[in-house]
């Protein structure tokens, strides 16, 4: 998938655990893990906003776009 998350990096920078972030933004640790692993197919803007607020960052700090070499998205 060409969109990857850098949540682990940002959590380390903020010295915050996944459980702490999940509790603060009101989602389960399991759902946060899905976001961190890149297995999520979508993210709500409200969840993205809550993550950015708690981590004091911008969406671009936790999301990267890496195109496939062939330029096609693999589903």
PDB file of N, CA and C in Angstrom:
ATOM      1  N   UNK A   1       0.853  -1.184   0.000  1.00  0.00           N
ATOM      2  CA  UNK A   1       0.000   0.000   0.000  1.00  0.00           C
ATOM      3  C   UNK A   1       0.891   1.237   0.000  1.00  0.00           C
ATOM      4  N   UNK A   2       0.600   2.186  -0.838  1.00  0.00           N
ATOM      5  CA  UNK A   2       1.471   3.351  -0.954  1.00  0.00           C
ATOM      6  C   UNK A   2       1.389   4.341   0.209  1.00  0.00           C
ATOM      7  N   UNK A   3       0.400   4.222   1.087  1.00  0.00           N
ATOM      8  CA  UNK A   3       0.320   5.096   2.260  1.00  0.00           C
ATOM      9  C   UNK A   3       0.851   4.323   3.462  1.00  0.00           C
ATOM     10  N   UNK A   4       1.865   4.861   4.111  1.00  0.00           N
ATOM     11  CA  UNK A   4       2.404   4.214   5.306  1.00  0.00           C
ATOM     12  C   UNK A   4       2.293   5.171   6.489  1.00  0.00           C
ATOM     13  N   UNK A   5       2.238   4.596   7.676  1.00  0.00           N
ATOM     14  CA  UNK A   5       2.144   5.422   8.877  1.00  0.00           C
ATOM     15  C   UNK A   5       3.460   5.395   9.640  1.00  0.00           C
ATOM     16  N   UNK A   6       3.743   6.494  10.273  1.00  0.00           N
ATOM     17  CA  UNK A   6       4.933   6.629  11.110  1.00  0.00           C
ATOM     18  C   UNK A   6       4.529   6.839  12.567  1.00  0.00           C
ATOM     19  N   UNK A   7       3.436   6.203  12.971  1.00  0.00           N
ATOM     20  CA  UNK A   7       2.953   6.391  14.337  1.00  0.00           C
ATOM     21  C   UNK A   7       3.966   5.918  15.370  1.00  0.00           C
ATOM     22  N   UNK A   8       4.635   4.799  15.107  1.00  0.00           N
ATOM     23  CA  UNK A   8       5.621   4.293  16.068  1.00  0.00           C
ATOM     24  C   UNK A   8       6.727   5.312  16.316  1.00  0.00           C
ATOM     25  N   UNK A   9       7.198   5.928  15.247  1.00  0.00           N
ATOM     26  CA  UNK A   9       8.262   6.933  15.368  1.00  0.00           C
ATOM     27  C   UNK A   9       7.784   8.112  16.212  1.00  0.00           C
ATOM     28  N   UNK A  10       6.573   8.584  15.927  1.00  0.00           N
ATOM     29  CA  UNK A  10       6.040   9.732  16.658  1.00  0.00           C
ATOM     30  C   UNK A  10       5.769   9.382  18.121  1.00  0.00           C
ATOM     31  N   UNK A  11       5.312   8.162  18.389  1.00  0.00           N
ATOM     32  CA  UNK A  11       5.086   7.744  19.776  1.00  0.00           C
ATOM     33  C   UNK A  11       6.398   7.738  20.559  1.00  0.00           C
ATOM     34  N   UNK A  12       7.468   7.261  19.933  1.00  0.00           N
ATOM     35  CA  UNK A  12       8.778   7.264  20.595  1.00  0.00           C
ATOM     36  C   UNK A  12       9.228   8.696  20.858  1.00  0.00           C
ATOM     37  N   UNK A  13       9.071   9.569  19.858  1.00  0.00           N
ATOM     38  CA  UNK A  13       9.469  10.972  20.031  1.00  0.00           C
ATOM     39  C   UNK A  13       8.710  11.639  21.173  1.00  0.00           C
ATOM     40  N   UNK A  14       7.445  11.261  21.335  1.00  0.00           N
ATOM     41  CA  UNK A  14       6.601  11.873  22.376  1.00  0.00           C
ATOM     42  C   UNK A  14       6.637  11.096  23.690  1.00  0.00           C
ATOM     43  N   UNK A  15       7.422  10.000  23.707  1.00  0.00           N
ATOM     44  CA  UNK A  15       7.548   9.156  24.902  1.00  0.00           C
ATOM     45  C   UNK A  15       6.173   8.726  25.412  1.00  0.00           C
ATOM     46  N   UNK A  16       5.376   8.212  24.477  1.00  0.00           N
ATOM     47  CA  UNK A  16       4.007   7.806  24.782  1.00  0.00           C
ATOM     48  C   UNK A  16       3.808   6.366  24.319  1.00  0.00           C
ATOM     49  N   UNK A  17       3.073   5.594  25.105  1.00  0.00           N
ATOM     50  CA  UNK A  17       2.773   4.214  24.721  1.00  0.00           C
ATOM     51  C   UNK A  17       1.545   4.178  23.818  1.00  0.00           C
ATOM     52  N   UNK A  18       1.404   3.080  23.106  1.00  0.00           N
ATOM     53  CA  UNK A  18       0.218   2.894  22.263  1.00  0.00           C
ATOM     54  C   UNK A  18      -1.042   2.908  23.111  1.00  0.00           C
ATOM     55  N   UNK A  19      -0.991   2.266  24.276  1.00  0.00           N
ATOM     56  CA  UNK A  19      -2.160   2.225  25.157  1.00  0.00           C
ATOM     57  C   UNK A  19      -2.541   3.624  25.614  1.00  0.00           C
ATOM     58  N   UNK A  20      -1.553   4.417  25.966  1.00  0.00           N
ATOM     59  CA  UNK A  20      -1.827   5.784  26.414  1.00  0.00           C
ATOM     60  C   UNK A  20      -2.489   6.600  25.299  1.00  0.00           C
ATOM     61  N   UNK A  21      -1.956   6.500  24.081  1.00  0.00           N
ATOM     62  CA  UNK A  21      -2.550   7.236  22.963  1.00  0.00           C
ATOM     63  C   UNK A  21      -3.965   6.741  22.689  1.00  0.00           C
ATOM     64  N   UNK A  22      -4.139   5.430  22.648  1.00  0.00           N
ATOM     65  CA  UNK A  22      -5.469   4.864  22.389  1.00  0.00           C
ATOM     66  C   UNK A  22      -6.477   5.353  23.424  1.00  0.00           C
ATOM     67  N   UNK A  23      -6.083   5.338  24.693  1.00  0.00           N
ATOM     68  CA  UNK A  23      -6.974   5.814  25.758  1.00  0.00           C
ATOM     69  C   UNK A  23      -7.316   7.288  25.577  1.00  0.00           C
ATOM     70  N   UNK A  24      -6.327   8.080  25.223  1.00  0.00           N
ATOM     71  CA  UNK A  24      -6.539   9.527  25.083  1.00  0.00           C
ATOM     72  C   UNK A  24      -7.446   9.887  23.911  1.00  0.00           C
ATOM     73  N   UNK A  25      -7.396   9.085  22.837  1.00  0.00           N
ATOM     74  CA  UNK A  25      -8.200   9.427  21.658  1.00  0.00           C
ATOM     75  C   UNK A  25      -9.484   8.609  21.562  1.00  0.00           C
ATOM     76  N   UNK A  26      -9.666   7.685  22.492  1.00  0.00           N
ATOM     77  CA  UNK A  26     -10.923   6.949  22.553  1.00  0.00           C
ATOM     78  C   UNK A  26     -11.088   5.820  21.554  1.00  0.00           C
ATOM     79  N   UNK A  27      -9.983   5.149  21.213  1.00  0.00           N
ATOM     80  CA  UNK A  27     -10.081   3.953  20.375  1.00  0.00           C
ATOM     81  C   UNK A  27      -9.394   2.806  21.107  1.00  0.00           C
ATOM     82  N   UNK A  28      -9.616   1.592  20.630  1.00  0.00           N
ATOM     83  CA  UNK A  28      -8.987   0.442  21.267  1.00  0.00           C
ATOM     84  C   UNK A  28      -7.528   0.336  20.834  1.00  0.00           C
ATOM     85  N   UNK A  29      -6.742  -0.332  21.652  1.00  0.00           N
ATOM     86  CA  UNK A  29      -5.345  -0.579  21.298  1.00  0.00           C
ATOM     87  C   UNK A  29      -5.289  -1.414  20.017  1.00  0.00           C
ATOM     88  N   UNK A  30      -6.242  -2.325  19.854  1.00  0.00           N
ATOM     89  CA  UNK A  30      -6.296  -3.153  18.636  1.00  0.00           C
ATOM     90  C   UNK A  30      -6.484  -2.298  17.389  1.00  0.00           C
ATOM     91  N   UNK A  31      -7.395  -1.333  17.460  1.00  0.00           N
ATOM     92  CA  UNK A  31      -7.610  -0.457  16.302  1.00  0.00           C
ATOM     93  C   UNK A  31      -6.398   0.421  16.036  1.00  0.00           C
ATOM     94  N   UNK A  32      -5.744   0.887  17.086  1.00  0.00           N
ATOM     95  CA  UNK A  32      -4.527   1.677  16.902  1.00  0.00           C
ATOM     96  C   UNK A  32      -3.439   0.817  16.266  1.00  0.00           C
ATOM     97  N   UNK A  33      -3.357  -0.431  16.680  1.00  0.00           N
ATOM     98  CA  UNK A  33      -2.377  -1.353  16.111  1.00  0.00           C
ATOM     99  C   UNK A  33      -2.608  -1.559  14.617  1.00  0.00           C
ATOM    100  N   UNK A  34      -3.875  -1.639  14.214  1.00  0.00           N
ATOM    101  CA  UNK A  34      -4.206  -1.775  12.789  1.00  0.00           C
ATOM    102  C   UNK A  34      -3.738  -0.541  12.021  1.00  0.00           C
ATOM    103  N   UNK A  35      -3.936   0.628  12.601  1.00  0.00           N
ATOM    104  CA  UNK A  35      -3.458   1.862  11.959  1.00  0.00           C
ATOM    105  C   UNK A  35      -1.936   1.859  11.854  1.00  0.00           C
ATOM    106  N   UNK A  36      -1.264   1.475  12.944  1.00  0.00           N
ATOM    107  CA  UNK A  36       0.198   1.480  12.969  1.00  0.00           C
ATOM    108  C   UNK A  36       0.797   0.493  11.979  1.00  0.00           C
ATOM    109  N   UNK A  37       0.132  -0.640  11.790  1.00  0.00           N
ATOM    110  CA  UNK A  37       0.675  -1.686  10.920  1.00  0.00           C
ATOM    111  C   UNK A  37       0.443  -1.411   9.437  1.00  0.00           C
ATOM    112  N   UNK A  38      -0.413  -0.441   9.136  1.00  0.00           N
ATOM    113  CA  UNK A  38      -0.711  -0.138   7.742  1.00  0.00           C
ATOM    114  C   UNK A  38      -1.792  -1.022   7.154  1.00  0.00           C
ATOM    115  N   UNK A  39      -2.442  -1.820   7.992  1.00  0.00           N
ATOM    116  CA  UNK A  39      -3.490  -2.724   7.508  1.00  0.00           C
ATOM    117  C   UNK A  39      -4.848  -2.039   7.389  1.00  0.00           C
ATOM    118  N   UNK A  40      -4.966  -0.834   7.903  1.00  0.00           N
ATOM    119  CA  UNK A  40      -6.242  -0.111   7.836  1.00  0.00           C
ATOM    120  C   UNK A  40      -6.514   0.313   6.395  1.00  0.00           C
ATOM    121  N   UNK A  41      -7.755   0.183   5.973  1.00  0.00           N
ATOM    122  CA  UNK A  41      -8.154   0.614   4.633  1.00  0.00           C
ATOM    123  C   UNK A  41      -8.567   2.080   4.626  1.00  0.00           C
ATOM    124  N   UNK A  42      -8.896   2.614   5.804  1.00  0.00           N
ATOM    125  CA  UNK A  42      -9.357   4.003   5.902  1.00  0.00           C
ATOM    126  C   UNK A  42      -9.135   4.497   7.326  1.00  0.00           C
ATOM    127  N   UNK A  43      -9.163   5.809   7.477  1.00  0.00           N
ATOM    128  CA  UNK A  43      -9.104   6.428   8.797  1.00  0.00           C
ATOM    129  C   UNK A  43     -10.073   7.605   8.781  1.00  0.00           C
ATOM    130  N   UNK A  44     -10.838   7.736   9.830  1.00  0.00           N
ATOM    131  CA  UNK A  44     -11.762   8.871   9.933  1.00  0.00           C
ATOM    132  C   UNK A  44     -10.958  10.138  10.195  1.00  0.00           C
ATOM    133  N   UNK A  45     -11.423  11.229   9.616  1.00  0.00           N
ATOM    134  CA  UNK A  45     -10.756  12.504   9.873  1.00  0.00           C
ATOM    135  C   UNK A  45     -10.790  12.838  11.357  1.00  0.00           C
ATOM    136  N   UNK A  46     -11.848  12.466  12.052  1.00  0.00           N
ATOM    137  CA  UNK A  46     -11.933  12.752  13.488  1.00  0.00           C
ATOM    138  C   UNK A  46     -10.859  11.986  14.257  1.00  0.00           C
ATOM    139  N   UNK A  47     -10.560  10.756  13.831  1.00  0.00           N
ATOM    140  CA  UNK A  47      -9.496   9.972  14.476  1.00  0.00           C
ATOM    141  C   UNK A  47      -8.136  10.571  14.154  1.00  0.00           C
ATOM    142  N   UNK A  48      -7.928  10.934  12.897  1.00  0.00           N
ATOM    143  CA  UNK A  48      -6.669  11.560  12.492  1.00  0.00           C
ATOM    144  C   UNK A  48      -6.456  12.865  13.249  1.00  0.00           C
ATOM    145  N   UNK A  49      -7.517  13.647  13.378  1.00  0.00           N
ATOM    146  CA  UNK A  49      -7.431  14.904  14.120  1.00  0.00           C
ATOM    147  C   UNK A  49      -7.065  14.650  15.580  1.00  0.00           C
ATOM    148  N   UNK A  50      -7.692  13.655  16.199  1.00  0.00           N
ATOM    149  CA  UNK A  50      -7.413  13.343  17.603  1.00  0.00           C
ATOM    150  C   UNK A  50      -5.970  12.884  17.792  1.00  0.00           C
ATOM    151  N   UNK A  51      -5.475  12.063  16.870  1.00  0.00           N
ATOM    152  CA  UNK A  51      -4.086  11.602  16.943  1.00  0.00           C
ATOM    153  C   UNK A  51      -3.141  12.792  16.839  1.00  0.00           C
ATOM    154  N   UNK A  52      -3.373  13.648  15.856  1.00  0.00           N
ATOM    155  CA  UNK A  52      -2.505  14.816  15.663  1.00  0.00           C
ATOM    156  C   UNK A  52      -2.550  15.752  16.870  1.00  0.00           C
ATOM    157  N   UNK A  53      -3.713  15.917  17.450  1.00  0.00           N
ATOM    158  CA  UNK A  53      -3.844  16.779  18.628  1.00  0.00           C
ATOM    159  C   UNK A  53      -3.033  16.216  19.792  1.00  0.00           C
ATOM    160  N   UNK A  54      -3.180  14.917  20.052  1.00  0.00           N
ATOM    161  CA  UNK A  54      -2.478  14.302  21.184  1.00  0.00           C
ATOM    162  C   UNK A  54      -0.971  14.226  20.974  1.00  0.00           C
ATOM    163  N   UNK A  55      -0.545  14.021  19.730  1.00  0.00           N
ATOM    164  CA  UNK A  55       0.886  13.912  19.442  1.00  0.00           C
ATOM    165  C   UNK A  55       1.506  15.250  19.049  1.00  0.00           C
ATOM    166  N   UNK A  56       0.680  16.303  19.018  1.00  0.00           N
ATOM    167  CA  UNK A  56       1.139  17.639  18.643  1.00  0.00           C
ATOM    168  C   UNK A  56       1.909  17.589  17.320  1.00  0.00           C
ATOM    169  N   UNK A  57       1.214  17.099  16.297  1.00  0.00           N
ATOM    170  CA  UNK A  57       1.848  16.952  14.991  1.00  0.00           C
ATOM    171  C   UNK A  57       0.840  17.240  13.890  1.00  0.00           C
ATOM    172  N   UNK A  58       1.328  17.206  12.663  1.00  0.00           N
ATOM    173  CA  UNK A  58       0.486  17.375  11.478  1.00  0.00           C
ATOM    174  C   UNK A  58       0.284  16.000  10.843  1.00  0.00           C
ATOM    175  N   UNK A  59      -0.779  15.833  10.042  1.00  0.00           N
ATOM    176  CA  UNK A  59      -0.966  14.545   9.364  1.00  0.00           C
ATOM    177  C   UNK A  59       0.279  14.101   8.578  1.00  0.00           C
ATOM    178  N   UNK A  60       0.972  15.045   7.966  1.00  0.00           N
ATOM    179  CA  UNK A  60       2.166  14.701   7.186  1.00  0.00           C
ATOM    180  C   UNK A  60       3.291  14.146   8.055  1.00  0.00           C
ATOM    181  N   UNK A  61       3.241  14.400   9.362  1.00  0.00           N
ATOM    182  CA  UNK A  61       4.254  13.858  10.267  1.00  0.00           C
ATOM    183  C   UNK A  61       4.049  12.368  10.529  1.00  0.00           C
ATOM    184  N   UNK A  62       2.821  11.889  10.340  1.00  0.00           N
ATOM    185  CA  UNK A  62       2.540  10.484  10.643  1.00  0.00           C
ATOM    186  C   UNK A  62       2.110   9.669   9.425  1.00  0.00           C
ATOM    187  N   UNK A  63       1.889  10.323   8.295  1.00  0.00           N
ATOM    188  CA  UNK A  63       1.504   9.624   7.068  1.00  0.00           C
ATOM    189  C   UNK A  63       2.495   9.942   5.956  1.00  0.00           C
ATOM    190  N   UNK A  64       2.893   8.915   5.214  1.00  0.00           N
ATOM    191  CA  UNK A  64       3.776   9.081   4.060  1.00  0.00           C
ATOM    192  C   UNK A  64       3.148   8.413   2.852  1.00  0.00           C
ATOM    193  N   UNK A  65       3.387   8.991   1.693  1.00  0.00           N
ATOM    194  CA  UNK A  65       2.945   8.394   0.433  1.00  0.00           C
ATOM    195  C   UNK A  65       4.167   7.863  -0.292  1.00  0.00           C
ATOM    196  N   UNK A  66       4.196   6.559  -0.499  1.00  0.00           N
ATOM    197  CA  UNK A  66       5.288   5.914  -1.218  1.00  0.00           C
ATOM    198  C   UNK A  66       4.671   5.189  -2.412  1.00  0.00           C
ATOM    199  N   UNK A  67       4.773   5.753  -3.616  1.00  0.00           N
ATOM    200  CA  UNK A  67       4.152   5.097  -4.777  1.00  0.00           C
ATOM    201  C   UNK A  67       4.837   3.769  -5.102  1.00  0.00           C
ATOM    202  N   UNK A  68       4.041   2.830  -5.613  1.00  0.00           N
ATOM    203  CA  UNK A  68       4.606   1.569  -6.091  1.00  0.00           C
ATOM    204  C   UNK A  68       5.468   1.873  -7.306  1.00  0.00           C
ATOM    205  N   UNK A  69       6.450   1.022  -7.552  1.00  0.00           N
ATOM    206  CA  UNK A  69       7.350   1.252  -8.682  1.00  0.00           C
ATOM    207  C   UNK A  69       6.612   1.276 -10.015  1.00  0.00           C
ATOM    208  N   UNK A  70       5.558   0.461 -10.136  1.00  0.00           N
ATOM    209  CA  UNK A  70       4.811   0.424 -11.396  1.00  0.00           C
ATOM    210  C   UNK A  70       3.736   1.500 -11.459  1.00  0.00           C
ATOM    211  N   UNK A  71       3.591   2.260 -10.373  1.00  0.00           N
ATOM    212  CA  UNK A  71       2.619   3.336 -10.347  1.00  0.00           C
ATOM    213  C   UNK A  71       1.197   2.889 -10.081  1.00  0.00           C
ATOM    214  N   UNK A  72       0.998   1.589  -9.889  1.00  0.00           N
ATOM    215  CA  UNK A  72      -0.339   1.054  -9.655  1.00  0.00           C
ATOM    216  C   UNK A  72      -0.550   0.757  -8.178  1.00  0.00           C
ATOM    217  N   UNK A  73      -1.768   0.958  -7.724  1.00  0.00           N
ATOM    218  CA  UNK A  73      -2.115   0.625  -6.351  1.00  0.00           C
ATOM    219  C   UNK A  73      -2.521  -0.835  -6.297  1.00  0.00           C
ATOM    220  N   UNK A  74      -1.917  -1.577  -5.388  1.00  0.00           N
ATOM    221  CA  UNK A  74      -2.263  -2.991  -5.232  1.00  0.00           C
ATOM    222  C   UNK A  74      -3.275  -3.121  -4.115  1.00  0.00           C
ATOM    223  N   UNK A  75      -4.366  -3.772  -4.380  1.00  0.00           N
ATOM    224  CA  UNK A  75      -5.441  -3.948  -3.393  1.00  0.00           C
ATOM    225  C   UNK A  75      -5.317  -5.291  -2.733  1.00  0.00           C
TER     226      UNK A  75
END
